[in-house]
């Protein structure tokens, strides 16, 4: 699993906490603050908003869908040790996700 997010986003924080709560193994990538610069987000999801969770061929772009997916996956016993990798953005400042 891989989570695309920004550090300051409240919805992204909710998703990160859910991943940690269920002890999922996942990579994460901190993306640019400015939506038009989020090329990697657009490549995987066709849009520029975060959070985005990619799990194999499953791509989720809405926070409530991500949370429901993680709860269901956890109920099915699909967890692992948490392993995170981060990619630091080049930086920009956009106040919205």
N, C-alpha and C. Protein backbone atom coordinates (compact mmCIF):
# COMPACT_ATOMS: atom_id res chain seq x y z
N UNK A 1 0.84 -1.17 0.00
CA UNK A 1 0.00 0.00 0.00
C UNK A 1 0.89 1.24 0.00
N UNK A 2 0.38 2.28 -0.64
CA UNK A 2 1.10 3.55 -0.65
C UNK A 2 0.10 4.68 -0.46
N UNK A 3 0.45 5.59 0.45
CA UNK A 3 -0.37 6.76 0.73
C UNK A 3 0.33 8.00 0.20
N UNK A 4 -0.38 8.76 -0.62
CA UNK A 4 0.09 10.07 -1.08
C UNK A 4 -0.61 11.11 -0.22
N UNK A 5 0.16 12.03 0.36
CA UNK A 5 -0.44 12.99 1.30
C UNK A 5 0.44 14.23 1.45
N UNK A 6 -0.10 15.21 2.16
CA UNK A 6 0.67 16.36 2.63
C UNK A 6 0.60 16.35 4.15
N UNK A 7 1.60 16.88 4.79
CA UNK A 7 1.67 16.81 6.26
C UNK A 7 0.59 17.62 6.97
N UNK A 8 0.16 18.72 6.40
CA UNK A 8 -0.74 19.65 7.08
C UNK A 8 -2.22 19.33 6.88
N UNK A 9 -2.54 18.35 6.08
CA UNK A 9 -3.93 18.05 5.71
C UNK A 9 -4.64 17.23 6.79
N UNK A 10 -5.73 17.73 7.36
CA UNK A 10 -6.46 16.99 8.40
C UNK A 10 -6.98 15.63 7.92
N UNK A 11 -7.50 15.54 6.70
CA UNK A 11 -7.99 14.25 6.20
C UNK A 11 -6.83 13.26 6.03
N UNK A 12 -5.69 13.76 5.61
CA UNK A 12 -4.51 12.90 5.48
C UNK A 12 -4.10 12.35 6.84
N UNK A 13 -4.16 13.18 7.85
CA UNK A 13 -3.82 12.75 9.21
C UNK A 13 -4.78 11.66 9.69
N UNK A 14 -6.05 11.80 9.40
CA UNK A 14 -7.03 10.79 9.78
C UNK A 14 -6.68 9.45 9.12
N UNK A 15 -6.31 9.48 7.87
CA UNK A 15 -5.95 8.25 7.16
C UNK A 15 -4.66 7.66 7.74
N UNK A 16 -3.66 8.50 8.01
CA UNK A 16 -2.41 7.99 8.60
C UNK A 16 -2.69 7.32 9.95
N UNK A 17 -3.53 7.93 10.75
CA UNK A 17 -3.87 7.34 12.05
C UNK A 17 -4.58 6.00 11.89
N UNK A 18 -5.46 5.91 10.91
CA UNK A 18 -6.17 4.65 10.66
C UNK A 18 -5.19 3.56 10.23
N UNK A 19 -4.25 3.90 9.37
CA UNK A 19 -3.23 2.94 8.95
C UNK A 19 -2.42 2.45 10.15
N UNK A 20 -2.05 3.37 11.03
CA UNK A 20 -1.29 3.02 12.22
C UNK A 20 -2.14 2.21 13.20
N UNK A 21 -3.39 2.60 13.35
CA UNK A 21 -4.31 1.89 14.25
C UNK A 21 -4.41 0.41 13.88
N UNK A 22 -4.46 0.13 12.59
CA UNK A 22 -4.58 -1.24 12.11
C UNK A 22 -3.22 -1.90 11.85
N UNK A 23 -2.14 -1.17 12.11
CA UNK A 23 -0.79 -1.70 11.95
C UNK A 23 -0.51 -2.20 10.54
N UNK A 24 -0.97 -1.44 9.54
CA UNK A 24 -0.74 -1.81 8.15
C UNK A 24 0.67 -1.44 7.72
N UNK A 25 1.27 -2.29 6.92
CA UNK A 25 2.54 -1.95 6.27
C UNK A 25 2.20 -1.06 5.08
N UNK A 26 2.84 0.08 4.98
CA UNK A 26 2.57 0.97 3.86
C UNK A 26 3.75 1.90 3.63
N UNK A 27 3.90 2.32 2.41
CA UNK A 27 4.84 3.36 2.05
C UNK A 27 4.05 4.66 2.00
N UNK A 28 4.74 5.76 2.15
CA UNK A 28 4.04 7.03 1.98
C UNK A 28 4.93 8.02 1.25
N UNK A 29 4.25 8.90 0.55
CA UNK A 29 4.96 9.94 -0.18
C UNK A 29 4.31 11.27 0.13
N UNK A 30 5.11 12.17 0.67
CA UNK A 30 4.65 13.52 0.93
C UNK A 30 4.76 14.27 -0.39
N UNK A 31 3.64 14.82 -0.85
CA UNK A 31 3.60 15.46 -2.16
C UNK A 31 3.60 16.98 -2.02
N UNK A 32 3.71 17.63 -3.14
CA UNK A 32 3.72 19.09 -3.19
C UNK A 32 2.45 19.68 -2.56
N UNK A 33 2.59 20.83 -1.95
CA UNK A 33 1.42 21.53 -1.40
C UNK A 33 0.51 22.03 -2.52
N UNK A 34 1.08 22.53 -3.59
CA UNK A 34 0.29 23.08 -4.70
C UNK A 34 -0.24 21.94 -5.56
N UNK A 35 -1.55 21.86 -5.68
CA UNK A 35 -2.17 20.75 -6.43
C UNK A 35 -1.63 20.58 -7.85
N UNK A 36 -1.45 21.63 -8.64
CA UNK A 36 -0.98 21.42 -10.02
C UNK A 36 0.40 20.76 -10.12
N UNK A 37 1.17 20.79 -9.04
CA UNK A 37 2.50 20.21 -9.04
C UNK A 37 2.51 18.75 -8.60
N UNK A 38 1.35 18.21 -8.25
CA UNK A 38 1.26 16.83 -7.75
C UNK A 38 1.14 15.84 -8.91
N UNK A 39 2.17 15.80 -9.71
CA UNK A 39 2.17 14.94 -10.91
C UNK A 39 1.98 13.48 -10.56
N UNK A 40 2.66 13.00 -9.50
CA UNK A 40 2.56 11.60 -9.14
C UNK A 40 1.15 11.23 -8.67
N UNK A 41 0.47 12.15 -8.02
CA UNK A 41 -0.91 11.91 -7.59
C UNK A 41 -1.80 11.79 -8.83
N UNK A 42 -1.62 12.69 -9.77
CA UNK A 42 -2.42 12.65 -10.99
C UNK A 42 -2.16 11.37 -11.79
N UNK A 43 -0.92 10.95 -11.83
CA UNK A 43 -0.57 9.73 -12.57
C UNK A 43 -1.30 8.50 -12.04
N UNK A 44 -1.44 8.40 -10.72
CA UNK A 44 -2.08 7.20 -10.15
C UNK A 44 -3.58 7.32 -10.01
N UNK A 45 -4.11 8.57 -9.92
CA UNK A 45 -5.53 8.72 -9.61
C UNK A 45 -6.34 9.54 -10.60
N UNK A 46 -5.68 10.24 -11.52
CA UNK A 46 -6.40 11.06 -12.48
C UNK A 46 -6.91 12.38 -11.91
N UNK A 47 -6.49 12.74 -10.70
CA UNK A 47 -6.87 14.00 -10.08
C UNK A 47 -5.73 14.45 -9.17
N UNK A 48 -5.85 15.63 -8.53
CA UNK A 48 -4.73 16.20 -7.79
C UNK A 48 -4.94 16.30 -6.29
N UNK A 49 -6.06 15.83 -5.77
CA UNK A 49 -6.37 15.98 -4.35
C UNK A 49 -5.79 14.83 -3.54
N UNK A 50 -5.50 15.10 -2.27
CA UNK A 50 -5.02 14.08 -1.34
C UNK A 50 -5.96 14.03 -0.14
N UNK A 51 -6.01 12.93 0.57
CA UNK A 51 -5.16 11.76 0.45
C UNK A 51 -5.58 10.85 -0.70
N UNK A 52 -4.61 10.07 -1.19
CA UNK A 52 -4.84 9.01 -2.16
C UNK A 52 -4.15 7.77 -1.62
N UNK A 53 -4.89 6.67 -1.59
CA UNK A 53 -4.33 5.39 -1.17
C UNK A 53 -4.34 4.43 -2.35
N UNK A 54 -3.18 3.83 -2.61
CA UNK A 54 -3.05 2.85 -3.68
C UNK A 54 -2.69 1.52 -3.03
N UNK A 55 -3.49 0.51 -3.31
CA UNK A 55 -3.24 -0.84 -2.80
C UNK A 55 -3.38 -1.80 -3.97
N UNK A 56 -2.26 -2.14 -4.60
CA UNK A 56 -2.30 -2.96 -5.80
C UNK A 56 -3.01 -2.20 -6.91
N UNK A 57 -4.08 -2.78 -7.44
CA UNK A 57 -4.85 -2.12 -8.50
C UNK A 57 -5.95 -1.23 -7.95
N UNK A 58 -6.14 -1.21 -6.64
CA UNK A 58 -7.16 -0.38 -6.00
C UNK A 58 -6.60 1.01 -5.74
N UNK A 59 -7.30 2.03 -6.23
CA UNK A 59 -6.91 3.43 -6.01
C UNK A 59 -8.11 4.13 -5.39
N UNK A 60 -7.90 4.68 -4.19
CA UNK A 60 -8.97 5.37 -3.46
C UNK A 60 -8.60 6.83 -3.27
N UNK A 61 -9.58 7.72 -3.56
CA UNK A 61 -9.29 9.16 -3.51
C UNK A 61 -10.17 9.93 -2.53
N UNK A 62 -11.13 9.27 -1.91
CA UNK A 62 -12.01 9.93 -0.95
C UNK A 62 -11.71 9.40 0.45
N UNK A 63 -11.57 10.30 1.41
CA UNK A 63 -11.20 9.90 2.76
C UNK A 63 -12.13 8.84 3.33
N UNK A 64 -13.44 9.03 3.21
CA UNK A 64 -14.37 8.05 3.80
C UNK A 64 -14.25 6.70 3.11
N UNK A 65 -13.96 6.68 1.82
CA UNK A 65 -13.75 5.41 1.11
C UNK A 65 -12.46 4.73 1.57
N UNK A 66 -11.42 5.52 1.80
CA UNK A 66 -10.15 4.97 2.28
C UNK A 66 -10.35 4.35 3.66
N UNK A 67 -11.02 5.07 4.56
CA UNK A 67 -11.23 4.56 5.91
C UNK A 67 -12.05 3.28 5.91
N UNK A 68 -13.10 3.25 5.12
CA UNK A 68 -13.94 2.05 5.03
C UNK A 68 -13.14 0.88 4.46
N UNK A 69 -12.33 1.14 3.47
CA UNK A 69 -11.49 0.10 2.86
C UNK A 69 -10.51 -0.47 3.89
N UNK A 70 -9.88 0.41 4.67
CA UNK A 70 -8.92 -0.04 5.67
C UNK A 70 -9.60 -0.84 6.77
N UNK A 71 -10.78 -0.41 7.20
CA UNK A 71 -11.52 -1.16 8.21
C UNK A 71 -11.87 -2.56 7.69
N UNK A 72 -12.34 -2.62 6.44
CA UNK A 72 -12.71 -3.91 5.85
C UNK A 72 -11.49 -4.81 5.70
N UNK A 73 -10.40 -4.23 5.25
CA UNK A 73 -9.16 -4.99 5.06
C UNK A 73 -8.66 -5.53 6.40
N UNK A 74 -8.76 -4.72 7.43
CA UNK A 74 -8.33 -5.14 8.76
C UNK A 74 -9.23 -6.27 9.29
N UNK A 75 -10.51 -6.15 9.06
CA UNK A 75 -11.46 -7.18 9.50
C UNK A 75 -11.18 -8.52 8.81
N UNK A 76 -10.62 -8.46 7.61
CA UNK A 76 -10.27 -9.66 6.87
C UNK A 76 -8.89 -10.20 7.25
N UNK A 77 -8.23 -9.52 8.21
CA UNK A 77 -6.94 -10.00 8.69
C UNK A 77 -5.76 -9.73 7.79
N UNK A 78 -5.83 -8.73 6.95
CA UNK A 78 -4.73 -8.41 6.02
C UNK A 78 -3.90 -7.27 6.56
N UNK A 79 -3.03 -7.54 7.51
CA UNK A 79 -2.18 -6.50 8.08
C UNK A 79 -0.72 -6.86 7.92
N UNK A 80 0.14 -5.99 8.39
CA UNK A 80 1.57 -6.26 8.36
C UNK A 80 2.30 -5.26 9.21
N UNK A 81 3.61 -5.41 9.30
CA UNK A 81 4.40 -4.46 10.04
C UNK A 81 4.42 -3.15 9.27
N UNK A 82 4.38 -2.09 10.00
CA UNK A 82 4.37 -0.78 9.36
C UNK A 82 5.78 -0.42 8.90
N UNK A 83 5.93 -0.20 7.60
CA UNK A 83 7.19 0.23 7.03
C UNK A 83 6.89 1.45 6.19
N UNK A 84 7.58 2.54 6.47
CA UNK A 84 7.28 3.77 5.76
C UNK A 84 8.52 4.30 5.06
N UNK A 85 8.30 4.84 3.88
CA UNK A 85 9.32 5.56 3.13
C UNK A 85 8.72 6.91 2.81
N UNK A 86 9.52 7.93 2.86
CA UNK A 86 8.96 9.23 2.51
C UNK A 86 9.80 9.89 1.43
N UNK A 87 9.13 10.69 0.66
CA UNK A 87 9.77 11.51 -0.34
C UNK A 87 9.44 12.95 0.00
N UNK A 88 10.42 13.74 0.25
CA UNK A 88 10.20 15.11 0.65
C UNK A 88 9.88 15.97 -0.57
N UNK A 89 8.83 16.78 -0.48
CA UNK A 89 8.48 17.64 -1.62
C UNK A 89 9.49 18.76 -1.80
N UNK A 90 9.50 19.30 -2.98
CA UNK A 90 10.36 20.44 -3.25
C UNK A 90 9.85 21.70 -2.57
N UNK A 91 8.56 21.69 -2.21
CA UNK A 91 8.00 22.79 -1.45
C UNK A 91 7.17 23.75 -2.28
N UNK A 92 6.12 24.17 -1.68
CA UNK A 92 5.21 25.14 -2.27
C UNK A 92 4.22 25.47 -1.17
N UNK A 93 3.35 26.43 -1.41
CA UNK A 93 2.39 26.74 -0.36
C UNK A 93 1.01 26.98 -0.95
N UNK A 94 0.17 26.02 -0.75
CA UNK A 94 -1.24 26.10 -1.13
C UNK A 94 -2.02 25.74 0.12
N UNK A 95 -2.96 26.55 0.50
CA UNK A 95 -3.67 26.36 1.76
C UNK A 95 -4.67 25.22 1.74
N UNK A 96 -5.03 24.72 0.57
CA UNK A 96 -6.04 23.66 0.49
C UNK A 96 -5.41 22.36 0.04
N UNK A 97 -6.17 21.24 0.23
CA UNK A 97 -5.67 19.93 -0.16
C UNK A 97 -5.73 19.84 -1.65
